[in-house]
Every structure is written in C-alpha cells, then in structure tokens.
C-alpha cells in the first residue's frame, strides 16, 4: 500500500510518518501499489526532505509526468 494526498496527490515515502500531507496539509489516503511500477530494474526512488517521493526521471533527463 502506498500513501498519497487526497488534495495534491503527492506520494509519501513508506518510511515517512505523517498524519497529514507535508506539502499542503491535505488528508492522506492509501491505495494499492501499481504493478507496472514494481519492476526491479527501475532506479531507486528519490525522496525530498519532507518525505515526498519525487517524480521519476527519463533516461535523457526529463521528468516523466502523467498526461
């Protein structure tokens, strides 16, 4: 299960202990992990100082964002 904010949709790292979103103060919800993102060859997640998982980066350096 991964935790994300119901307001800003920030994904929190598993080791982050928070009751509210550290970015906006929104409520946290839990959802099942996406199977497509559980691939072992992926690079490790980058986590910022607030405990929020940063967006993945493309091999050429750009940030991968959903459309």
N, C-alpha and C. Protein backbone atom coordinates (compact mmCIF):
# COMPACT_ATOMS: atom_id res chain seq x y z
N UNK A 1 0.84 -1.18 0.00
CA UNK A 1 0.00 0.00 0.00
C UNK A 1 0.89 1.24 0.00
N UNK A 2 0.50 2.22 -0.78
CA UNK A 2 1.22 3.48 -0.76
C UNK A 2 0.27 4.58 -0.30
N UNK A 3 0.84 5.58 0.35
CA UNK A 3 0.03 6.66 0.87
C UNK A 3 0.20 7.88 -0.01
N UNK A 4 -0.92 8.54 -0.32
CA UNK A 4 -0.88 9.74 -1.11
C UNK A 4 -1.89 10.75 -0.60
N UNK A 5 -1.69 12.00 -0.96
CA UNK A 5 -2.55 13.08 -0.50
C UNK A 5 -3.82 13.12 -1.36
N UNK A 6 -4.95 13.29 -0.71
CA UNK A 6 -6.21 13.35 -1.44
C UNK A 6 -6.40 14.71 -2.12
N UNK A 7 -5.59 15.69 -1.75
CA UNK A 7 -5.75 17.03 -2.32
C UNK A 7 -4.74 17.31 -3.44
N UNK A 8 -3.43 17.16 -3.14
CA UNK A 8 -2.41 17.49 -4.13
C UNK A 8 -1.81 16.26 -4.81
N UNK A 9 -2.20 15.05 -4.38
CA UNK A 9 -1.78 13.77 -4.96
C UNK A 9 -0.28 13.49 -4.80
N UNK A 10 0.36 14.08 -3.80
CA UNK A 10 1.77 13.79 -3.52
C UNK A 10 1.86 12.39 -2.92
N UNK A 11 2.84 11.61 -3.38
CA UNK A 11 3.05 10.25 -2.88
C UNK A 11 4.11 10.32 -1.78
N UNK A 12 3.79 9.77 -0.60
CA UNK A 12 4.72 9.77 0.51
C UNK A 12 5.56 8.51 0.51
N UNK A 13 6.81 8.65 0.92
CA UNK A 13 7.71 7.52 1.03
C UNK A 13 7.21 6.60 2.14
N UNK A 14 7.47 5.29 2.05
CA UNK A 14 6.97 4.35 3.07
C UNK A 14 7.49 4.65 4.47
N UNK A 15 8.69 5.20 4.60
CA UNK A 15 9.25 5.46 5.92
C UNK A 15 8.79 6.79 6.53
N UNK A 16 8.02 7.59 5.79
CA UNK A 16 7.54 8.87 6.30
C UNK A 16 6.37 8.64 7.24
N UNK A 17 6.49 9.18 8.45
CA UNK A 17 5.42 9.06 9.43
C UNK A 17 4.70 10.40 9.52
N UNK A 18 3.51 10.48 8.94
CA UNK A 18 2.74 11.72 8.96
C UNK A 18 1.26 11.38 8.94
N UNK A 19 0.48 12.23 9.58
CA UNK A 19 -0.98 12.07 9.57
C UNK A 19 -1.62 12.94 8.49
N UNK A 20 -0.93 14.00 8.10
CA UNK A 20 -1.41 14.92 7.08
C UNK A 20 -0.31 15.12 6.06
N UNK A 21 -0.66 15.59 4.88
CA UNK A 21 0.31 15.82 3.81
C UNK A 21 1.30 16.90 4.23
N UNK A 22 2.61 16.63 4.13
CA UNK A 22 3.60 17.65 4.49
C UNK A 22 3.67 18.79 3.48
N UNK A 23 3.11 18.63 2.29
CA UNK A 23 3.17 19.68 1.27
C UNK A 23 2.01 20.66 1.40
N UNK A 24 0.78 20.16 1.57
CA UNK A 24 -0.38 21.05 1.55
C UNK A 24 -1.28 20.92 2.78
N UNK A 25 -1.07 19.90 3.61
CA UNK A 25 -1.91 19.72 4.79
C UNK A 25 -3.17 18.92 4.51
N UNK A 26 -3.28 18.32 3.33
CA UNK A 26 -4.46 17.52 2.97
C UNK A 26 -4.46 16.17 3.67
N UNK A 27 -5.59 15.49 3.62
CA UNK A 27 -5.73 14.17 4.23
C UNK A 27 -5.01 13.12 3.39
N UNK A 28 -4.43 12.13 4.06
CA UNK A 28 -3.72 11.05 3.38
C UNK A 28 -4.65 9.86 3.18
N UNK A 29 -4.55 9.24 2.02
CA UNK A 29 -5.31 8.03 1.72
C UNK A 29 -4.33 6.94 1.32
N UNK A 30 -4.76 5.70 1.37
CA UNK A 30 -3.92 4.57 0.97
C UNK A 30 -4.52 3.92 -0.26
N UNK A 31 -3.64 3.47 -1.15
CA UNK A 31 -4.08 2.72 -2.33
C UNK A 31 -3.07 1.62 -2.59
N UNK A 32 -3.50 0.63 -3.33
CA UNK A 32 -2.62 -0.49 -3.67
C UNK A 32 -1.54 -0.02 -4.63
N UNK A 33 -0.35 -0.61 -4.53
CA UNK A 33 0.74 -0.28 -5.44
C UNK A 33 0.37 -0.67 -6.86
N UNK A 34 0.83 0.10 -7.82
CA UNK A 34 0.59 -0.22 -9.21
C UNK A 34 1.58 -1.29 -9.65
N UNK A 35 1.12 -2.42 -10.21
CA UNK A 35 2.03 -3.50 -10.60
C UNK A 35 3.06 -3.07 -11.64
N UNK A 36 2.72 -2.14 -12.51
CA UNK A 36 3.65 -1.70 -13.55
C UNK A 36 4.84 -0.95 -12.96
N UNK A 37 4.68 -0.41 -11.75
CA UNK A 37 5.76 0.37 -11.14
C UNK A 37 6.62 -0.47 -10.21
N UNK A 38 6.32 -1.75 -10.04
CA UNK A 38 7.07 -2.62 -9.14
C UNK A 38 8.14 -3.43 -9.88
N UNK A 39 8.73 -2.85 -10.91
CA UNK A 39 9.73 -3.55 -11.69
C UNK A 39 11.09 -3.43 -11.00
N UNK A 40 11.84 -4.53 -10.87
CA UNK A 40 13.12 -4.48 -10.16
C UNK A 40 14.21 -3.68 -10.86
N UNK A 41 14.11 -3.49 -12.18
CA UNK A 41 15.18 -2.79 -12.89
C UNK A 41 15.05 -1.27 -12.82
N UNK A 42 14.02 -0.77 -12.16
CA UNK A 42 13.83 0.67 -12.03
C UNK A 42 14.87 1.26 -11.09
N UNK A 43 15.18 2.51 -11.29
CA UNK A 43 16.09 3.23 -10.39
C UNK A 43 15.40 3.44 -9.04
N UNK A 44 16.16 3.56 -7.96
CA UNK A 44 15.55 3.78 -6.66
C UNK A 44 14.80 5.12 -6.61
N UNK A 45 13.81 5.18 -5.75
CA UNK A 45 13.01 6.40 -5.62
C UNK A 45 13.84 7.50 -4.98
N UNK A 46 13.63 8.72 -5.47
CA UNK A 46 14.25 9.88 -4.84
C UNK A 46 13.22 10.50 -3.90
N UNK A 47 13.62 10.80 -2.67
CA UNK A 47 12.72 11.36 -1.66
C UNK A 47 13.27 12.70 -1.22
N UNK A 48 12.40 13.74 -1.17
CA UNK A 48 12.87 15.04 -0.73
C UNK A 48 12.88 15.15 0.80
N UNK A 49 13.23 16.30 1.32
CA UNK A 49 13.37 16.49 2.76
C UNK A 49 12.05 16.38 3.53
N UNK A 50 10.91 16.50 2.86
CA UNK A 50 9.61 16.37 3.52
C UNK A 50 9.11 14.94 3.56
N UNK A 51 9.78 14.04 2.84
CA UNK A 51 9.36 12.64 2.79
C UNK A 51 8.46 12.35 1.61
N UNK A 52 8.43 13.22 0.62
CA UNK A 52 7.60 13.04 -0.57
C UNK A 52 8.45 12.44 -1.68
N UNK A 53 7.91 11.42 -2.36
CA UNK A 53 8.62 10.77 -3.47
C UNK A 53 8.59 11.73 -4.66
N UNK A 54 9.78 11.99 -5.21
CA UNK A 54 9.89 12.89 -6.36
C UNK A 54 9.53 12.14 -7.65
N UNK A 55 9.10 12.88 -8.68
CA UNK A 55 8.75 12.22 -9.95
C UNK A 55 9.95 11.50 -10.54
N UNK A 56 9.67 10.40 -11.26
CA UNK A 56 10.74 9.66 -11.93
C UNK A 56 11.31 10.49 -13.05
N UNK A 57 12.55 10.20 -13.40
CA UNK A 57 13.20 10.92 -14.49
C UNK A 57 13.41 10.00 -15.68
N UNK A 58 13.30 10.56 -16.84
CA UNK A 58 13.51 9.84 -18.09
C UNK A 58 15.00 9.59 -18.25
N UNK A 59 15.38 8.61 -19.04
CA UNK A 59 16.79 8.29 -19.26
C UNK A 59 17.56 9.47 -19.85
N UNK A 60 16.86 10.35 -20.56
CA UNK A 60 17.52 11.51 -21.17
C UNK A 60 17.50 12.72 -20.24
N UNK A 61 16.91 12.60 -19.06
CA UNK A 61 17.00 13.67 -18.08
C UNK A 61 15.70 14.40 -17.79
N UNK A 62 14.67 14.24 -18.59
CA UNK A 62 13.41 14.95 -18.35
C UNK A 62 12.59 14.25 -17.27
N UNK A 63 11.64 14.96 -16.69
CA UNK A 63 10.76 14.39 -15.68
C UNK A 63 9.57 13.74 -16.37
N UNK A 64 9.22 12.52 -15.98
CA UNK A 64 8.09 11.80 -16.54
C UNK A 64 6.84 12.26 -15.82
N UNK A 65 5.91 12.85 -16.53
CA UNK A 65 4.66 13.33 -15.92
C UNK A 65 3.48 12.67 -16.62
N UNK A 66 2.41 12.36 -15.86
CA UNK A 66 1.24 11.76 -16.49
C UNK A 66 0.53 12.76 -17.39
N UNK A 67 -0.08 12.26 -18.43
CA UNK A 67 -0.80 13.14 -19.37
C UNK A 67 -2.25 13.23 -19.02
